Amino acid sequence: MALDLENDAAFSVAVDGLPRVVELITTVPDEKRALAFAAAQQSYLQTAQALGYEESDAQQWASTVMSILEITALAAERVTKPSLFQHEPSAMPLAEVGSPETAAVKASPTPDQVDTPDPFAAD
């Protein structure tokens, strides 16, 4: 059986179920999470083999599902975990509008306003 993921109903069902798999994997302690991903990959490989794919196609089928699973897991993690910088003060505080710092920037000449000598002009 040739690999055609765009028209593979089982592949679509597997991908549609990935958010639930991510939910289950995130309940696993961090130190055992790699084992959970390996178990998922083995399960997807067995599914592809049961669908009748040749070994190389079954490997690709399972790898593709796992790639999508990992992306889905990373996206879920970004949504559920606070940003590393969410509660950290900025290393360089921004000046408030109307402060002396912003007034100095406004008063500075722009490059087109600066009188610079023309390097190509004859002396």
PDB file of N, CA and C in Angstrom:
ATOM      1  N   MET A   1       0.853  -1.178   0.000  1.00  0.00           N
ATOM      2  CA  MET A   1       0.000   0.000   0.000  1.00  0.00           C
ATOM      3  C   MET A   1       0.898   1.241   0.000  1.00  0.00           C
ATOM      4  N   ALA A   2       0.701   2.148  -0.917  1.00  0.00           N
ATOM      5  CA  ALA A   2       1.508   3.369  -1.008  1.00  0.00           C
ATOM      6  C   ALA A   2       1.046   4.381   0.048  1.00  0.00           C
ATOM      7  N   LEU A   3       1.985   5.170   0.515  1.00  0.00           N
ATOM      8  CA  LEU A   3       1.703   6.169   1.531  1.00  0.00           C
ATOM      9  C   LEU A   3       1.059   7.397   0.895  1.00  0.00           C
ATOM     10  N   ASP A   4      -0.170   7.722   1.320  1.00  0.00           N
ATOM     11  CA  ASP A   4      -0.893   8.892   0.826  1.00  0.00           C
ATOM     12  C   ASP A   4      -1.611   9.516   2.022  1.00  0.00           C
ATOM     13  N   LEU A   5      -0.886  10.326   2.777  1.00  0.00           N
ATOM     14  CA  LEU A   5      -1.420  10.869   4.022  1.00  0.00           C
ATOM     15  C   LEU A   5      -2.587  11.823   3.812  1.00  0.00           C
ATOM     16  N   GLU A   6      -2.627  12.492   2.680  1.00  0.00           N
ATOM     17  CA  GLU A   6      -3.714  13.438   2.424  1.00  0.00           C
ATOM     18  C   GLU A   6      -5.062  12.750   2.314  1.00  0.00           C
ATOM     19  N   ASN A   7      -5.067  11.512   1.852  1.00  0.00           N
ATOM     20  CA  ASN A   7      -6.319  10.781   1.665  1.00  0.00           C
ATOM     21  C   ASN A   7      -6.450   9.590   2.613  1.00  0.00           C
ATOM     22  N   ASP A   8      -5.680   9.584   3.675  1.00  0.00           N
ATOM     23  CA  ASP A   8      -5.681   8.474   4.621  1.00  0.00           C
ATOM     24  C   ASP A   8      -6.611   8.809   5.786  1.00  0.00           C
ATOM     25  N   ALA A   9      -7.759   8.132   5.834  1.00  0.00           N
ATOM     26  CA  ALA A   9      -8.758   8.402   6.877  1.00  0.00           C
ATOM     27  C   ALA A   9      -8.204   8.080   8.263  1.00  0.00           C
ATOM     28  N   ALA A  10      -7.457   6.986   8.384  1.00  0.00           N
ATOM     29  CA  ALA A  10      -6.896   6.619   9.685  1.00  0.00           C
ATOM     30  C   ALA A  10      -5.888   7.671  10.160  1.00  0.00           C
ATOM     31  N   PHE A  11      -5.105   8.198   9.241  1.00  0.00           N
ATOM     32  CA  PHE A  11      -4.156   9.256   9.577  1.00  0.00           C
ATOM     33  C   PHE A  11      -4.906  10.479  10.091  1.00  0.00           C
ATOM     34  N   SER A  12      -5.982  10.843   9.410  1.00  0.00           N
ATOM     35  CA  SER A  12      -6.796  11.993   9.826  1.00  0.00           C
ATOM     36  C   SER A  12      -7.371  11.782  11.224  1.00  0.00           C
ATOM     37  N   VAL A  13      -7.838  10.560  11.492  1.00  0.00           N
ATOM     38  CA  VAL A  13      -8.392  10.252  12.813  1.00  0.00           C
ATOM     39  C   VAL A  13      -7.284  10.340  13.865  1.00  0.00           C
ATOM     40  N   ALA A  14      -6.099   9.822  13.536  1.00  0.00           N
ATOM     41  CA  ALA A  14      -4.981   9.887  14.471  1.00  0.00           C
ATOM     42  C   ALA A  14      -4.619  11.336  14.790  1.00  0.00           C
ATOM     43  N   VAL A  15      -4.557  12.166  13.763  1.00  0.00           N
ATOM     44  CA  VAL A  15      -4.222  13.581  13.965  1.00  0.00           C
ATOM     45  C   VAL A  15      -5.325  14.282  14.753  1.00  0.00           C
ATOM     46  N   ASP A  16      -6.569  13.969  14.452  1.00  0.00           N
ATOM     47  CA  ASP A  16      -7.681  14.586  15.183  1.00  0.00           C
ATOM     48  C   ASP A  16      -7.652  14.227  16.672  1.00  0.00           C
ATOM     49  N   GLY A  17      -7.107  13.055  17.002  1.00  0.00           N
ATOM     50  CA  GLY A  17      -7.035  12.623  18.394  1.00  0.00           C
ATOM     51  C   GLY A  17      -5.830  13.128  19.156  1.00  0.00           C
ATOM     52  N   LEU A  18      -4.940  13.834  18.497  1.00  0.00           N
ATOM     53  CA  LEU A  18      -3.704  14.267  19.145  1.00  0.00           C
ATOM     54  C   LEU A  18      -3.915  15.191  20.349  1.00  0.00           C
ATOM     55  N   PRO A  19      -4.864  16.115  20.319  1.00  0.00           N
ATOM     56  CA  PRO A  19      -5.050  16.932  21.524  1.00  0.00           C
ATOM     57  C   PRO A  19      -5.350  16.092  22.772  1.00  0.00           C
ATOM     58  N   ARG A  20      -6.104  15.026  22.617  1.00  0.00           N
ATOM     59  CA  ARG A  20      -6.400  14.148  23.756  1.00  0.00           C
ATOM     60  C   ARG A  20      -5.134  13.407  24.193  1.00  0.00           C
ATOM     61  N   VAL A  21      -4.328  12.969  23.246  1.00  0.00           N
ATOM     62  CA  VAL A  21      -3.071  12.288  23.588  1.00  0.00           C
ATOM     63  C   VAL A  21      -2.158  13.258  24.332  1.00  0.00           C
ATOM     64  N   VAL A  22      -2.115  14.502  23.886  1.00  0.00           N
ATOM     65  CA  VAL A  22      -1.303  15.516  24.569  1.00  0.00           C
ATOM     66  C   VAL A  22      -1.805  15.700  26.002  1.00  0.00           C
ATOM     67  N   GLU A  23      -3.114  15.753  26.185  1.00  0.00           N
ATOM     68  CA  GLU A  23      -3.671  15.874  27.540  1.00  0.00           C
ATOM     69  C   GLU A  23      -3.181  14.735  28.431  1.00  0.00           C
ATOM     70  N   LEU A  24      -3.215  13.525  27.891  1.00  0.00           N
ATOM     71  CA  LEU A  24      -2.781  12.369  28.670  1.00  0.00           C
ATOM     72  C   LEU A  24      -1.284  12.419  28.963  1.00  0.00           C
ATOM     73  N   ILE A  25      -0.495  12.779  27.973  1.00  0.00           N
ATOM     74  CA  ILE A  25       0.960  12.825  28.164  1.00  0.00           C
ATOM     75  C   ILE A  25       1.342  13.895  29.174  1.00  0.00           C
ATOM     76  N   THR A  26       0.635  15.009  29.193  1.00  0.00           N
ATOM     77  CA  THR A  26       0.981  16.071  30.139  1.00  0.00           C
ATOM     78  C   THR A  26       0.658  15.690  31.584  1.00  0.00           C
ATOM     79  N   THR A  27      -0.125  14.639  31.799  1.00  0.00           N
ATOM     80  CA  THR A  27      -0.388  14.180  33.166  1.00  0.00           C
ATOM     81  C   THR A  27       0.748  13.303  33.685  1.00  0.00           C
ATOM     82  N   VAL A  28       1.635  12.875  32.781  1.00  0.00           N
ATOM     83  CA  VAL A  28       2.767  12.031  33.156  1.00  0.00           C
ATOM     84  C   VAL A  28       3.848  12.929  33.758  1.00  0.00           C
ATOM     85  N   PRO A  29       4.479  12.494  34.846  1.00  0.00           N
ATOM     86  CA  PRO A  29       5.570  13.306  35.424  1.00  0.00           C
ATOM     87  C   PRO A  29       6.660  13.580  34.380  1.00  0.00           C
ATOM     88  N   ASP A  30       7.273  14.730  34.493  1.00  0.00           N
ATOM     89  CA  ASP A  30       8.293  15.157  33.522  1.00  0.00           C
ATOM     90  C   ASP A  30       9.376  14.108  33.295  1.00  0.00           C
ATOM     91  N   GLU A  31       9.809  13.449  34.351  1.00  0.00           N
ATOM     92  CA  GLU A  31      10.905  12.483  34.204  1.00  0.00           C
ATOM     93  C   GLU A  31      10.490  11.227  33.444  1.00  0.00           C
ATOM     94  N   LYS A  32       9.189  10.999  33.261  1.00  0.00           N
ATOM     95  CA  LYS A  32       8.720   9.829  32.516  1.00  0.00           C
ATOM     96  C   LYS A  32       8.048  10.213  31.192  1.00  0.00           C
ATOM     97  N   ARG A  33       8.099  11.488  30.869  1.00  0.00           N
ATOM     98  CA  ARG A  33       7.425  11.957  29.658  1.00  0.00           C
ATOM     99  C   ARG A  33       8.027  11.377  28.388  1.00  0.00           C
ATOM    100  N   ALA A  34       9.330  11.222  28.336  1.00  0.00           N
ATOM    101  CA  ALA A  34       9.977  10.641  27.151  1.00  0.00           C
ATOM    102  C   ALA A  34       9.478   9.213  26.926  1.00  0.00           C
ATOM    103  N   LEU A  35       9.256   8.494  28.000  1.00  0.00           N
ATOM    104  CA  LEU A  35       8.723   7.134  27.906  1.00  0.00           C
ATOM    105  C   LEU A  35       7.298   7.157  27.340  1.00  0.00           C
ATOM    106  N   ALA A  36       6.519   8.147  27.735  1.00  0.00           N
ATOM    107  CA  ALA A  36       5.149   8.279  27.216  1.00  0.00           C
ATOM    108  C   ALA A  36       5.157   8.580  25.717  1.00  0.00           C
ATOM    109  N   PHE A  37       6.075   9.446  25.286  1.00  0.00           N
ATOM    110  CA  PHE A  37       6.186   9.734  23.850  1.00  0.00           C
ATOM    111  C   PHE A  37       6.634   8.491  23.075  1.00  0.00           C
ATOM    112  N   ALA A  38       7.561   7.730  23.651  1.00  0.00           N
ATOM    113  CA  ALA A  38       8.027   6.510  22.985  1.00  0.00           C
ATOM    114  C   ALA A  38       6.889   5.497  22.870  1.00  0.00           C
ATOM    115  N   ALA A  39       6.067   5.391  23.900  1.00  0.00           N
ATOM    116  CA  ALA A  39       4.922   4.478  23.856  1.00  0.00           C
ATOM    117  C   ALA A  39       3.929   4.920  22.787  1.00  0.00           C
ATOM    118  N   ALA A  40       3.710   6.229  22.674  1.00  0.00           N
ATOM    119  CA  ALA A  40       2.808   6.736  21.638  1.00  0.00           C
ATOM    120  C   ALA A  40       3.355   6.410  20.261  1.00  0.00           C
ATOM    121  N   GLN A  41       4.649   6.616  20.064  1.00  0.00           N
ATOM    122  CA  GLN A  41       5.240   6.322  18.761  1.00  0.00           C
ATOM    123  C   GLN A  41       5.095   4.842  18.420  1.00  0.00           C
ATOM    124  N   GLN A  42       5.333   3.978  19.379  1.00  0.00           N
ATOM    125  CA  GLN A  42       5.199   2.541  19.141  1.00  0.00           C
ATOM    126  C   GLN A  42       3.761   2.192  18.778  1.00  0.00           C
ATOM    127  N   SER A  43       2.820   2.824  19.445  1.00  0.00           N
ATOM    128  CA  SER A  43       1.407   2.579  19.154  1.00  0.00           C
ATOM    129  C   SER A  43       1.041   3.026  17.737  1.00  0.00           C
ATOM    130  N   TYR A  44       1.546   4.196  17.340  1.00  0.00           N
ATOM    131  CA  TYR A  44       1.262   4.680  15.983  1.00  0.00           C
ATOM    132  C   TYR A  44       1.924   3.789  14.933  1.00  0.00           C
ATOM    133  N   LEU A  45       3.118   3.303  15.221  1.00  0.00           N
ATOM    134  CA  LEU A  45       3.794   2.405  14.296  1.00  0.00           C
ATOM    135  C   LEU A  45       2.991   1.106  14.136  1.00  0.00           C
ATOM    136  N   GLN A  46       2.516   0.567  15.229  1.00  0.00           N
ATOM    137  CA  GLN A  46       1.712  -0.652  15.169  1.00  0.00           C
ATOM    138  C   GLN A  46       0.407  -0.416  14.398  1.00  0.00           C
ATOM    139  N   THR A  47      -0.180   0.760  14.568  1.00  0.00           N
ATOM    140  CA  THR A  47      -1.400   1.095  13.834  1.00  0.00           C
ATOM    141  C   THR A  47      -1.134   1.112  12.338  1.00  0.00           C
ATOM    142  N   ALA A  48      -0.048   1.770  11.942  1.00  0.00           N
ATOM    143  CA  ALA A  48       0.291   1.844  10.516  1.00  0.00           C
ATOM    144  C   ALA A  48       0.560   0.461   9.946  1.00  0.00           C
ATOM    145  N   GLN A  49       1.240  -0.373  10.708  1.00  0.00           N
ATOM    146  CA  GLN A  49       1.507  -1.736  10.250  1.00  0.00           C
ATOM    147  C   GLN A  49       0.202  -2.527  10.122  1.00  0.00           C
ATOM    148  N   ALA A  50      -0.717  -2.330  11.065  1.00  0.00           N
ATOM    149  CA  ALA A  50      -2.009  -3.015  11.013  1.00  0.00           C
ATOM    150  C   ALA A  50      -2.847  -2.543   9.820  1.00  0.00           C
ATOM    151  N   LEU A  51      -2.599  -1.313   9.381  1.00  0.00           N
ATOM    152  CA  LEU A  51      -3.301  -0.795   8.203  1.00  0.00           C
ATOM    153  C   LEU A  51      -2.743  -1.373   6.912  1.00  0.00           C
ATOM    154  N   GLY A  52      -1.623  -2.086   7.015  1.00  0.00           N
ATOM    155  CA  GLY A  52      -1.064  -2.747   5.845  1.00  0.00           C
ATOM    156  C   GLY A  52       0.056  -1.999   5.160  1.00  0.00           C
ATOM    157  N   TYR A  53       0.565  -0.954   5.785  1.00  0.00           N
ATOM    158  CA  TYR A  53       1.681  -0.226   5.185  1.00  0.00           C
ATOM    159  C   TYR A  53       2.947  -1.064   5.265  1.00  0.00           C
ATOM    160  N   GLU A  54       3.785  -0.937   4.244  1.00  0.00           N
ATOM    161  CA  GLU A  54       5.106  -1.562   4.274  1.00  0.00           C
ATOM    162  C   GLU A  54       5.908  -0.882   5.377  1.00  0.00           C
ATOM    163  N   GLU A  55       6.972  -1.545   5.817  1.00  0.00           N
ATOM    164  CA  GLU A  55       7.729  -1.070   6.980  1.00  0.00           C
ATOM    165  C   GLU A  55       8.187   0.385   6.841  1.00  0.00           C
ATOM    166  N   SER A  56       8.778   0.753   5.719  1.00  0.00           N
ATOM    167  CA  SER A  56       9.271   2.137   5.566  1.00  0.00           C
ATOM    168  C   SER A  56       8.117   3.135   5.576  1.00  0.00           C
ATOM    169  N   ASP A  57       7.006   2.782   4.941  1.00  0.00           N
ATOM    170  CA  ASP A  57       5.836   3.664   4.947  1.00  0.00           C
ATOM    171  C   ASP A  57       5.213   3.743   6.336  1.00  0.00           C
ATOM    172  N   ALA A  58       5.200   2.612   7.044  1.00  0.00           N
ATOM    173  CA  ALA A  58       4.660   2.606   8.407  1.00  0.00           C
ATOM    174  C   ALA A  58       5.511   3.501   9.309  1.00  0.00           C
ATOM    175  N   GLN A  59       6.829   3.440   9.131  1.00  0.00           N
ATOM    176  CA  GLN A  59       7.732   4.305   9.900  1.00  0.00           C
ATOM    177  C   GLN A  59       7.446   5.776   9.602  1.00  0.00           C
ATOM    178  N   GLN A  60       7.270   6.099   8.328  1.00  0.00           N
ATOM    179  CA  GLN A  60       6.985   7.486   7.941  1.00  0.00           C
ATOM    180  C   GLN A  60       5.637   7.927   8.486  1.00  0.00           C
ATOM    181  N   TRP A  61       4.635   7.063   8.431  1.00  0.00           N
ATOM    182  CA  TRP A  61       3.289   7.359   8.937  1.00  0.00           C
ATOM    183  C   TRP A  61       3.386   7.704  10.422  1.00  0.00           C
ATOM    184  N   ALA A  62       4.051   6.820  11.187  1.00  0.00           N
ATOM    185  CA  ALA A  62       4.184   7.028  12.629  1.00  0.00           C
ATOM    186  C   ALA A  62       5.022   8.270  12.933  1.00  0.00           C
ATOM    187  N   SER A  63       6.079   8.485  12.185  1.00  0.00           N
ATOM    188  CA  SER A  63       6.942   9.658  12.403  1.00  0.00           C
ATOM    189  C   SER A  63       6.194  10.957  12.133  1.00  0.00           C
ATOM    190  N   THR A  64       5.362  10.953  11.107  1.00  0.00           N
ATOM    191  CA  THR A  64       4.591  12.153  10.787  1.00  0.00           C
ATOM    192  C   THR A  64       3.588  12.455  11.890  1.00  0.00           C
ATOM    193  N   VAL A  65       2.905  11.421  12.364  1.00  0.00           N
ATOM    194  CA  VAL A  65       1.960  11.617  13.472  1.00  0.00           C
ATOM    195  C   VAL A  65       2.711  12.134  14.696  1.00  0.00           C
ATOM    196  N   MET A  66       3.872  11.558  14.977  1.00  0.00           N
ATOM    197  CA  MET A  66       4.650  11.983  16.140  1.00  0.00           C
ATOM    198  C   MET A  66       5.147  13.421  16.000  1.00  0.00           C
ATOM    199  N   SER A  67       5.515  13.819  14.816  1.00  0.00           N
ATOM    200  CA  SER A  67       5.941  15.213  14.608  1.00  0.00           C
ATOM    201  C   SER A  67       4.802  16.167  14.931  1.00  0.00           C
ATOM    202  N   ILE A  68       3.630  15.831  14.461  1.00  0.00           N
ATOM    203  CA  ILE A  68       2.464  16.677  14.736  1.00  0.00           C
ATOM    204  C   ILE A  68       2.143  16.643  16.225  1.00  0.00           C
ATOM    205  N   LEU A  69       2.283  15.469  16.849  1.00  0.00           N
ATOM    206  CA  LEU A  69       2.045  15.339  18.284  1.00  0.00           C
ATOM    207  C   LEU A  69       3.001  16.229  19.071  1.00  0.00           C
ATOM    208  N   GLU A  70       4.268  16.214  18.710  1.00  0.00           N
ATOM    209  CA  GLU A  70       5.249  17.032  19.416  1.00  0.00           C
ATOM    210  C   GLU A  70       4.968  18.518  19.245  1.00  0.00           C
ATOM    211  N   ILE A  71       4.574  18.925  18.066  1.00  0.00           N
ATOM    212  CA  ILE A  71       4.226  20.331  17.830  1.00  0.00           C
ATOM    213  C   ILE A  71       3.002  20.703  18.650  1.00  0.00           C
ATOM    214  N   THR A  72       2.004  19.825  18.673  1.00  0.00           N
ATOM    215  CA  THR A  72       0.788  20.068  19.451  1.00  0.00           C
ATOM    216  C   THR A  72       1.121  20.165  20.936  1.00  0.00           C
ATOM    217  N   ALA A  73       2.005  19.291  21.415  1.00  0.00           N
ATOM    218  CA  ALA A  73       2.402  19.313  22.822  1.00  0.00           C
ATOM    219  C   ALA A  73       3.141  20.606  23.163  1.00  0.00           C
ATOM    220  N   LEU A  74       4.044  21.031  22.289  1.00  0.00           N
ATOM    221  CA  LEU A  74       4.767  22.283  22.525  1.00  0.00           C
ATOM    222  C   LEU A  74       3.819  23.473  22.548  1.00  0.00           C
ATOM    223  N   ALA A  75       2.865  23.478  21.637  1.00  0.00           N
ATOM    224  CA  ALA A  75       1.899  24.576  21.591  1.00  0.00           C
ATOM    225  C   ALA A  75       1.048  24.585  22.863  1.00  0.00           C
ATOM    226  N   ALA A  76       0.623  23.411  23.307  1.00  0.00           N
ATOM    227  CA  ALA A  76      -0.185  23.325  24.525  1.00  0.00           C
ATOM    228  C   ALA A  76       0.620  23.783  25.733  1.00  0.00           C
ATOM    229  N   GLU A  77       1.893  23.428  25.761  1.00  0.00           N
ATOM    230  CA  GLU A  77       2.754  23.823  26.862  1.00  0.00           C
ATOM    231  C   GLU A  77       2.924  25.337  26.907  1.00  0.00           C
ATOM    232  N   ARG A  78       3.060  25.947  25.754  1.00  0.00           N
ATOM    233  CA  ARG A  78       3.218  27.411  25.697  1.00  0.00           C
ATOM    234  C   ARG A  78       1.959  28.114  26.179  1.00  0.00           C
ATOM    235  N   VAL A  79       0.807  27.515  25.900  1.00  0.00           N
ATOM    236  CA  VAL A  79      -0.461  28.128  26.295  1.00  0.00           C
ATOM    237  C   VAL A  79      -0.697  27.972  27.797  1.00  0.00           C
ATOM    238  N   THR A  80      -0.303  26.825  28.357  1.00  0.00           N
ATOM    239  CA  THR A  80      -0.619  26.545  29.752  1.00  0.00           C
ATOM    240  C   THR A  80       0.437  27.028  30.738  1.00  0.00           C
ATOM    241  N   LYS A  81       1.687  27.114  30.316  1.00  0.00           N
ATOM    242  CA  LYS A  81       2.742  27.560  31.222  1.00  0.00           C
ATOM    243  C   LYS A  81       2.950  29.063  31.064  1.00  0.00           C
ATOM    244  N   PRO A  82       3.162  29.752  32.184  1.00  0.00           N
ATOM    245  CA  PRO A  82       3.423  31.193  32.067  1.00  0.00           C
ATOM    246  C   PRO A  82       4.755  31.447  31.377  1.00  0.00           C
ATOM    247  N   SER A  83       4.831  32.558  30.737  1.00  0.00           N
ATOM    248  CA  SER A  83       6.055  32.952  30.058  1.00  0.00           C
ATOM    249  C   SER A  83       7.189  33.094  31.071  1.00  0.00           C
ATOM    250  N   LEU A  84       8.387  32.788  30.635  1.00  0.00           N
ATOM    251  CA  LEU A  84       9.539  32.961  31.503  1.00  0.00           C
ATOM    252  C   LEU A  84       9.702  34.409  31.942  1.00  0.00           C
ATOM    253  N   PHE A  85       9.248  35.318  31.123  1.00  0.00           N
ATOM    254  CA  PHE A  85       9.452  36.739  31.389  1.00  0.00           C
ATOM    255  C   PHE A  85       8.194  37.441  31.880  1.00  0.00           C
ATOM    256  N   GLN A  86       7.131  36.683  32.108  1.00  0.00           N
ATOM    257  CA  GLN A  86       5.847  37.284  32.462  1.00  0.00           C
ATOM    258  C   GLN A  86       5.935  38.119  33.733  1.00  0.00           C
ATOM    259  N   HIS A  87       6.658  37.645  34.740  1.00  0.00           N
ATOM    260  CA  HIS A  87       6.711  38.346  36.011  1.00  0.00           C
ATOM    261  C   HIS A  87       8.070  38.965  36.283  1.00  0.00           C
ATOM    262  N   GLU A  88       8.924  38.953  35.290  1.00  0.00           N
ATOM    263  CA  GLU A  88      10.257  39.511  35.438  1.00  0.00           C
ATOM    264  C   GLU A  88      10.261  40.970  35.005  1.00  0.00           C
ATOM    265  N   PRO A  89      10.951  41.807  35.756  1.00  0.00           N
ATOM    266  CA  PRO A  89      11.071  43.200  35.302  1.00  0.00           C
ATOM    267  C   PRO A  89      11.948  43.254  34.058  1.00  0.00           C
ATOM    268  N   SER A  90      11.672  44.209  33.234  1.00  0.00           N
ATOM    269  CA  SER A  90      12.455  44.367  32.014  1.00  0.00           C
ATOM    270  C   SER A  90      13.880  44.750  32.374  1.00  0.00           C
ATOM    271  N   ALA A  91      14.839  44.220  31.632  1.00  0.00           N
ATOM    272  CA  ALA A  91      16.233  44.556  31.860  1.00  0.00           C
ATOM    273  C   ALA A  91      16.486  46.019  31.512  1.00  0.00           C
ATOM    274  N   MET A  92      15.712  46.548  30.598  1.00  0.00           N
ATOM    275  CA  MET A  92      15.838  47.939  30.193  1.00  0.00           C
ATOM    276  C   MET A  92      14.443  48.556  30.223  1.00  0.00           C
ATOM    277  N   PRO A  93      14.122  49.262  31.311  1.00  0.00           N
ATOM    278  CA  PRO A  93      12.774  49.815  31.400  1.00  0.00           C
ATOM    279  C   PRO A  93      12.500  50.809  30.282  1.00  0.00           C
ATOM    280  N   LEU A  94      11.285  50.781  29.809  1.00  0.00           N
ATOM    281  CA  LEU A  94      10.879  51.706  28.756  1.00  0.00           C
ATOM    282  C   LEU A  94      10.554  53.058  29.359  1.00  0.00           C
ATOM    283  N   ALA A  95      10.954  54.093  28.674  1.00  0.00           N
ATOM    284  CA  ALA A  95      10.649  55.441  29.141  1.00  0.00           C
ATOM    285  C   ALA A  95       9.179  55.734  28.906  1.00  0.00           C
ATOM    286  N   GLU A  96       8.591  56.444  29.853  1.00  0.00           N
ATOM    287  CA  GLU A  96       7.183  56.800  29.699  1.00  0.00           C
ATOM    288  C   GLU A  96       7.054  57.936  28.694  1.00  0.00           C
ATOM    289  N   VAL A  97       5.924  57.948  28.001  1.00  0.00           N
ATOM    290  CA  VAL A  97       5.660  59.011  27.044  1.00  0.00           C
ATOM    291  C   VAL A  97       5.593  60.331  27.801  1.00  0.00           C
ATOM    292  N   GLY A  98       6.268  61.344  27.305  1.00  0.00           N
ATOM    293  CA  GLY A  98       6.273  62.656  27.941  1.00  0.00           C
ATOM    294  C   GLY A  98       7.380  62.815  28.971  1.00  0.00           C
ATOM    295  N   SER A  99       8.171  61.787  29.198  1.00  0.00           N
ATOM    296  CA  SER A  99       9.272  61.881  30.174  1.00  0.00           C
ATOM    297  C   SER A  99      10.429  62.638  29.533  1.00  0.00           C
ATOM    298  N   PRO A 100      11.384  63.056  30.334  1.00  0.00           N
ATOM    299  CA  PRO A 100      12.549  63.750  29.770  1.00  0.00           C
ATOM    300  C   PRO A 100      13.298  62.893  28.747  1.00  0.00           C
ATOM    301  N   GLU A 101      13.307  61.568  28.951  1.00  0.00           N
ATOM    302  CA  GLU A 101      14.005  60.702  28.009  1.00  0.00           C
ATOM    303  C   GLU A 101      13.354  60.743  26.630  1.00  0.00           C
ATOM    304  N   THR A 102      12.025  60.692  26.586  1.00  0.00           N
ATOM    305  CA  THR A 102      11.358  60.711  25.291  1.00  0.00           C
ATOM    306  C   THR A 102      11.413  62.097  24.674  1.00  0.00           C
ATOM    307  N   ALA A 103      11.452  63.134  25.488  1.00  0.00           N
ATOM    308  CA  ALA A 103      11.570  64.490  24.958  1.00  0.00           C
ATOM    309  C   ALA A 103      12.923  64.664  24.281  1.00  0.00           C
ATOM    310  N   ALA A 104      13.973  64.066  24.851  1.00  0.00           N
ATOM    311  CA  ALA A 104      15.304  64.172  24.262  1.00  0.00           C
ATOM    312  C   ALA A 104      15.351  63.450  22.926  1.00  0.00           C
ATOM    313  N   VAL A 105      14.668  62.334  22.828  1.00  0.00           N
ATOM    314  CA  VAL A 105      14.642  61.607  21.563  1.00  0.00           C
ATOM    315  C   VAL A 105      13.917  62.424  20.517  1.00  0.00           C
ATOM    316  N   LYS A 106      12.818  63.058  20.896  1.00  0.00           N
ATOM    317  CA  LYS A 106      12.061  63.867  19.946  1.00  0.00           C
ATOM    318  C   LYS A 106      12.875  65.066  19.471  1.00  0.00           C
ATOM    319  N   ALA A 107      13.722  65.608  20.360  1.00  0.00           N
ATOM    320  CA  ALA A 107      14.500  66.789  20.009  1.00  0.00           C
ATOM    321  C   ALA A 107      15.728  66.444  19.168  1.00  0.00           C
ATOM    322  N   SER A 108      16.131  65.192  19.157  1.00  0.00           N
ATOM    323  CA  SER A 108      17.308  64.797  18.389  1.00  0.00           C
ATOM    324  C   SER A 108      17.019  64.899  16.902  1.00  0.00           C
ATOM    325  N   PRO A 109      17.984  65.398  16.135  1.00  0.00           N
ATOM    326  CA  PRO A 109      17.768  65.484  14.688  1.00  0.00           C
ATOM    327  C   PRO A 109      17.770  64.093  14.054  1.00  0.00           C
ATOM    328  N   THR A 110      16.953  63.924  13.069  1.00  0.00           N
ATOM    329  CA  THR A 110      16.939  62.668  12.323  1.00  0.00           C
ATOM    330  C   THR A 110      18.106  62.688  11.350  1.00  0.00           C
ATOM    331  N   PRO A 111      18.504  61.527  10.827  1.00  0.00           N
ATOM    332  CA  PRO A 111      19.659  61.498   9.915  1.00  0.00           C
ATOM    333  C   PRO A 111      19.534  62.457   8.740  1.00  0.00           C
ATOM    334  N   ASP A 112      18.334  62.686   8.231  1.00  0.00           N
ATOM    335  CA  ASP A 112      18.204  63.586   7.092  1.00  0.00           C
ATOM    336  C   ASP A 112      18.293  65.052   7.503  1.00  0.00           C
ATOM    337  N   GLN A 113      18.231  65.317   8.823  1.00  0.00           N
ATOM    338  CA  GLN A 113      18.326  66.680   9.311  1.00  0.00           C
ATOM    339  C   GLN A 113      19.762  67.050   9.717  1.00  0.00           C
ATOM    340  N   VAL A 114      20.620  66.075   9.834  1.00  0.00           N
ATOM    341  CA  VAL A 114      22.001  66.316  10.259  1.00  0.00           C
ATOM    342  C   VAL A 114      22.793  66.817   9.061  1.00  0.00           C
ATOM    343  N   ASP A 115      23.584  67.875   9.287  1.00  0.00           N
ATOM    344  CA  ASP A 115      24.391  68.443   8.221  1.00  0.00           C
ATOM    345  C   ASP A 115      25.714  67.687   8.159  1.00  0.00           C
ATOM    346  N   THR A 116      25.792  66.765   7.205  1.00  0.00           N
ATOM    347  CA  THR A 116      27.019  65.985   7.051  1.00  0.00           C
ATOM    348  C   THR A 116      27.678  66.367   5.740  1.00  0.00           C
ATOM    349  N   PRO A 117      29.002  66.388   5.726  1.00  0.00           N
ATOM    350  CA  PRO A 117      29.688  66.740   4.474  1.00  0.00           C
ATOM    351  C   PRO A 117      29.500  65.637   3.441  1.00  0.00           C
ATOM    352  N   ASP A 118      29.436  66.050   2.190  1.00  0.00           N
ATOM    353  CA  ASP A 118      29.299  65.099   1.089  1.00  0.00           C
ATOM    354  C   ASP A 118      30.690  64.550   0.784  1.00  0.00           C
ATOM    355  N   PRO A 119      30.895  63.234   0.959  1.00  0.00           N
ATOM    356  CA  PRO A 119      32.232  62.675   0.728  1.00  0.00           C
ATOM    357  C   PRO A 119      32.650  62.726  -0.728  1.00  0.00           C
ATOM    358  N   PHE A 120      31.721  62.937  -1.646  1.00  0.00           N
ATOM    359  CA  PHE A 120      32.040  62.933  -3.067  1.00  0.00           C
ATOM    360  C   PHE A 120      32.151  64.350  -3.654  1.00  0.00           C
ATOM    361  N   ALA A 121      31.917  65.331  -2.818  1.00  0.00           N
ATOM    362  CA  ALA A 121      31.997  66.716  -3.299  1.00  0.00           C
ATOM    363  C   ALA A 121      33.455  67.125  -3.461  1.00  0.00           C
ATOM    364  N   ALA A 122      33.719  67.942  -4.495  1.00  0.00           N
ATOM    365  CA  ALA A 122      35.071  68.438  -4.736  1.00  0.00           C
ATOM    366  C   ALA A 122      35.405  69.482  -3.692  1.00  0.00           C
ATOM    367  N   ASP A 123      36.647  69.503  -3.231  1.00  0.00           N
ATOM    368  CA  ASP A 123      37.059  70.495  -2.225  1.00  0.00           C
ATOM    369  C   ASP A 123      37.314  71.820  -2.817  1.00  0.00           C
TER     370      ASP A 123
END
